[in-house]
Amino acid sequence: MARCLEDKHPYLRNQFYSIKPKWQPVFEPDVATLSGIGDASIKINQAIPGFFGKDNLSDLTGFNASENPPEIDKGDLNG
């Protein structure tokens, strides 16, 4: 429907049946959102091993994994 309004063209229903939609989040995720997604994916993977993985988690949630290694702040080690 949104595509019809944006393009100002009346598409037919059969033109959309083979489209696989992807979720894209509206806002940047906060820590609570990422924690919730992590907890949920772990629980689902415990019930159905391999359901969520690196290859499909971004397709299902819209959040992409970072290409960079995590930065760890070691702080002041001298106390």
N, C-alpha and C. Protein backbone atom coordinates (compact mmCIF):
# COMPACT_ATOMS: atom_id res chain seq x y z
N MET A 1 0.82 -1.19 0.00
CA MET A 1 0.00 0.00 0.00
C MET A 1 0.86 1.25 0.00
N ALA A 2 1.90 1.26 0.83
CA ALA A 2 2.78 2.43 0.88
C ALA A 2 3.47 2.66 -0.46
N ARG A 3 3.88 1.58 -1.12
CA ARG A 3 4.53 1.70 -2.42
C ARG A 3 3.56 2.28 -3.45
N CYS A 4 2.29 1.88 -3.39
CA CYS A 4 1.27 2.42 -4.31
C CYS A 4 1.10 3.92 -4.11
N LEU A 5 1.07 4.35 -2.86
CA LEU A 5 0.91 5.77 -2.56
C LEU A 5 2.14 6.57 -2.97
N GLU A 6 3.32 6.02 -2.69
CA GLU A 6 4.55 6.74 -3.00
C GLU A 6 4.77 6.86 -4.51
N ASP A 7 4.52 5.77 -5.24
CA ASP A 7 4.72 5.78 -6.69
C ASP A 7 3.54 6.36 -7.47
N LYS A 8 2.41 6.52 -6.78
CA LYS A 8 1.17 6.97 -7.44
C LYS A 8 0.83 6.06 -8.62
N HIS A 9 0.92 4.76 -8.34
CA HIS A 9 0.64 3.74 -9.36
C HIS A 9 -0.17 2.62 -8.71
N PRO A 10 -1.26 2.20 -9.32
CA PRO A 10 -2.08 1.12 -8.74
C PRO A 10 -1.50 -0.26 -9.07
N TYR A 11 -0.66 -0.78 -8.20
CA TYR A 11 -0.10 -2.11 -8.40
C TYR A 11 -1.16 -3.18 -8.14
N LEU A 12 -1.02 -4.31 -8.79
CA LEU A 12 -1.92 -5.43 -8.57
C LEU A 12 -1.41 -6.28 -7.42
N ARG A 13 -2.30 -7.00 -6.75
CA ARG A 13 -1.91 -7.83 -5.61
C ARG A 13 -0.90 -8.90 -5.99
N ASN A 14 -1.04 -9.48 -7.18
CA ASN A 14 -0.13 -10.56 -7.56
C ASN A 14 1.28 -10.07 -7.85
N GLN A 15 1.50 -8.76 -7.88
CA GLN A 15 2.84 -8.22 -8.06
C GLN A 15 3.61 -8.21 -6.74
N PHE A 16 2.94 -8.44 -5.64
CA PHE A 16 3.57 -8.37 -4.32
C PHE A 16 3.76 -9.71 -3.63
N TYR A 17 3.14 -10.77 -4.12
CA TYR A 17 3.15 -12.02 -3.37
C TYR A 17 4.54 -12.65 -3.24
N SER A 18 5.45 -12.38 -4.15
CA SER A 18 6.78 -12.99 -4.07
C SER A 18 7.79 -12.11 -3.33
N ILE A 19 7.37 -10.94 -2.85
CA ILE A 19 8.26 -10.04 -2.14
C ILE A 19 8.45 -10.53 -0.70
N LYS A 20 9.68 -10.51 -0.25
CA LYS A 20 9.99 -10.90 1.12
C LYS A 20 10.35 -9.63 1.89
N PRO A 21 9.45 -9.14 2.74
CA PRO A 21 9.72 -7.88 3.44
C PRO A 21 10.82 -8.03 4.49
N LYS A 22 11.52 -6.92 4.73
CA LYS A 22 12.54 -6.87 5.77
C LYS A 22 12.17 -5.77 6.74
N TRP A 23 12.40 -6.04 8.00
CA TRP A 23 12.11 -5.07 9.05
C TRP A 23 13.30 -4.13 9.18
N GLN A 24 13.03 -2.83 9.17
CA GLN A 24 14.06 -1.83 9.42
C GLN A 24 13.60 -0.98 10.60
N PRO A 25 14.39 -0.94 11.67
CA PRO A 25 13.97 -0.18 12.84
C PRO A 25 13.91 1.32 12.55
N VAL A 26 13.02 2.02 13.24
CA VAL A 26 12.86 3.46 13.05
C VAL A 26 13.93 4.22 13.83
N PHE A 27 14.26 3.74 15.02
CA PHE A 27 15.21 4.42 15.89
C PHE A 27 16.43 3.55 16.13
N GLU A 28 17.53 4.19 16.54
CA GLU A 28 18.72 3.45 16.96
C GLU A 28 18.36 2.65 18.21
N PRO A 29 18.83 1.40 18.30
CA PRO A 29 18.49 0.61 19.48
C PRO A 29 19.25 1.10 20.71
N ASP A 30 18.58 1.02 21.86
CA ASP A 30 19.26 1.33 23.11
C ASP A 30 19.69 0.01 23.76
N VAL A 31 20.32 0.12 24.90
CA VAL A 31 20.86 -1.06 25.57
C VAL A 31 19.74 -2.04 25.94
N ALA A 32 18.61 -1.53 26.39
CA ALA A 32 17.50 -2.40 26.78
C ALA A 32 16.96 -3.19 25.58
N THR A 33 16.89 -2.54 24.43
CA THR A 33 16.41 -3.22 23.22
C THR A 33 17.37 -4.33 22.82
N LEU A 34 18.65 -4.01 22.79
CA LEU A 34 19.64 -5.03 22.42
C LEU A 34 19.66 -6.18 23.41
N SER A 35 19.50 -5.87 24.69
CA SER A 35 19.45 -6.91 25.71
C SER A 35 18.24 -7.81 25.51
N GLY A 36 17.09 -7.21 25.22
CA GLY A 36 15.87 -7.98 24.99
C GLY A 36 15.99 -8.89 23.78
N ILE A 37 16.57 -8.37 22.70
CA ILE A 37 16.76 -9.19 21.50
C ILE A 37 17.72 -10.33 21.79
N GLY A 38 18.79 -10.03 22.52
CA GLY A 38 19.76 -11.08 22.87
C GLY A 38 19.14 -12.17 23.73
N ASP A 39 18.40 -11.77 24.76
CA ASP A 39 17.75 -12.74 25.65
C ASP A 39 16.75 -13.60 24.88
N ALA A 40 15.95 -12.95 24.05
CA ALA A 40 14.92 -13.68 23.30
C ALA A 40 15.56 -14.66 22.31
N SER A 41 16.61 -14.21 21.62
CA SER A 41 17.23 -15.10 20.64
C SER A 41 17.91 -16.30 21.31
N ILE A 42 18.48 -16.08 22.49
CA ILE A 42 19.09 -17.20 23.23
C ILE A 42 18.01 -18.20 23.63
N LYS A 43 16.89 -17.71 24.15
CA LYS A 43 15.81 -18.62 24.58
C LYS A 43 15.21 -19.38 23.41
N ILE A 44 15.02 -18.70 22.29
CA ILE A 44 14.47 -19.39 21.12
C ILE A 44 15.47 -20.42 20.59
N ASN A 45 16.76 -20.07 20.58
CA ASN A 45 17.77 -21.03 20.12
C ASN A 45 17.90 -22.23 21.06
N GLN A 46 17.56 -22.06 22.33
CA GLN A 46 17.55 -23.20 23.24
C GLN A 46 16.40 -24.15 22.90
N ALA A 47 15.27 -23.57 22.49
CA ALA A 47 14.12 -24.40 22.13
C ALA A 47 14.27 -24.99 20.72
N ILE A 48 14.77 -24.17 19.80
CA ILE A 48 14.96 -24.59 18.41
C ILE A 48 16.40 -24.28 18.03
N PRO A 49 17.31 -25.23 18.23
CA PRO A 49 18.73 -24.96 17.98
C PRO A 49 19.00 -24.46 16.56
N GLY A 50 19.76 -23.37 16.48
CA GLY A 50 20.14 -22.82 15.19
C GLY A 50 19.11 -21.93 14.53
N PHE A 51 17.99 -21.62 15.22
CA PHE A 51 16.95 -20.79 14.60
C PHE A 51 17.48 -19.40 14.29
N PHE A 52 18.15 -18.78 15.25
CA PHE A 52 18.77 -17.47 15.04
C PHE A 52 20.27 -17.67 14.85
N GLY A 53 20.80 -16.99 13.88
CA GLY A 53 22.24 -17.02 13.64
C GLY A 53 22.69 -15.70 13.06
N LYS A 54 23.98 -15.59 12.80
CA LYS A 54 24.54 -14.37 12.24
C LYS A 54 23.93 -14.03 10.88
N ASP A 55 23.56 -15.07 10.13
CA ASP A 55 23.06 -14.86 8.78
C ASP A 55 21.61 -14.39 8.72
N ASN A 56 20.80 -14.67 9.74
CA ASN A 56 19.38 -14.29 9.64
C ASN A 56 18.88 -13.37 10.74
N LEU A 57 19.68 -13.10 11.75
CA LEU A 57 19.22 -12.25 12.85
C LEU A 57 18.92 -10.83 12.37
N SER A 58 19.76 -10.30 11.50
CA SER A 58 19.52 -8.94 11.00
C SER A 58 18.29 -8.89 10.10
N ASP A 59 18.00 -9.96 9.36
CA ASP A 59 16.80 -9.99 8.53
C ASP A 59 15.54 -9.98 9.38
N LEU A 60 15.58 -10.63 10.54
CA LEU A 60 14.40 -10.74 11.39
C LEU A 60 14.21 -9.55 12.31
N THR A 61 15.31 -8.89 12.70
CA THR A 61 15.21 -7.78 13.65
C THR A 61 15.49 -6.42 13.04
N GLY A 62 16.25 -6.39 11.95
CA GLY A 62 16.62 -5.12 11.34
C GLY A 62 17.91 -4.54 11.89
N PHE A 63 18.49 -5.19 12.89
CA PHE A 63 19.73 -4.71 13.48
C PHE A 63 20.90 -5.51 12.90
N ASN A 64 21.87 -4.81 12.36
CA ASN A 64 23.03 -5.47 11.75
C ASN A 64 24.15 -5.62 12.77
N ALA A 65 24.89 -6.70 12.64
CA ALA A 65 26.04 -6.92 13.50
C ALA A 65 27.17 -6.00 13.05
N SER A 66 27.98 -5.60 13.99
CA SER A 66 29.10 -4.73 13.68
C SER A 66 30.18 -5.50 12.94
N GLU A 67 30.83 -4.83 12.00
CA GLU A 67 31.95 -5.43 11.28
C GLU A 67 33.24 -5.29 12.08
N ASN A 68 33.26 -4.38 13.06
CA ASN A 68 34.45 -4.09 13.84
C ASN A 68 34.47 -4.91 15.13
N PRO A 69 35.66 -5.26 15.61
CA PRO A 69 35.71 -5.95 16.90
C PRO A 69 35.27 -5.01 18.02
N PRO A 70 34.75 -5.54 19.12
CA PRO A 70 34.30 -4.67 20.21
C PRO A 70 35.46 -3.92 20.84
N GLU A 71 35.19 -2.67 21.21
CA GLU A 71 36.18 -1.87 21.90
C GLU A 71 36.01 -2.06 23.40
N ILE A 72 37.09 -2.39 24.07
CA ILE A 72 37.03 -2.64 25.52
C ILE A 72 37.82 -1.53 26.22
N ASP A 73 37.14 -0.80 27.09
CA ASP A 73 37.79 0.25 27.84
C ASP A 73 38.37 -0.36 29.10
N LYS A 74 39.69 -0.39 29.18
CA LYS A 74 40.34 -1.00 30.32
C LYS A 74 40.44 -0.06 31.50
N GLY A 75 40.17 1.22 31.29
CA GLY A 75 40.20 2.18 32.39
C GLY A 75 41.61 2.34 32.94
N ASP A 76 41.67 2.90 34.13
CA ASP A 76 42.95 3.11 34.80
C ASP A 76 43.31 1.86 35.59
N LEU A 77 44.32 1.16 35.15
CA LEU A 77 44.70 -0.09 35.81
C LEU A 77 45.50 0.13 37.09
N ASN A 78 45.90 1.37 37.33
CA ASN A 78 46.70 1.65 38.52
C ASN A 78 45.86 1.92 39.77
N GLY A 79 44.54 1.90 39.59
CA GLY A 79 43.66 1.98 40.71
C GLY A 79 43.33 3.32 41.16
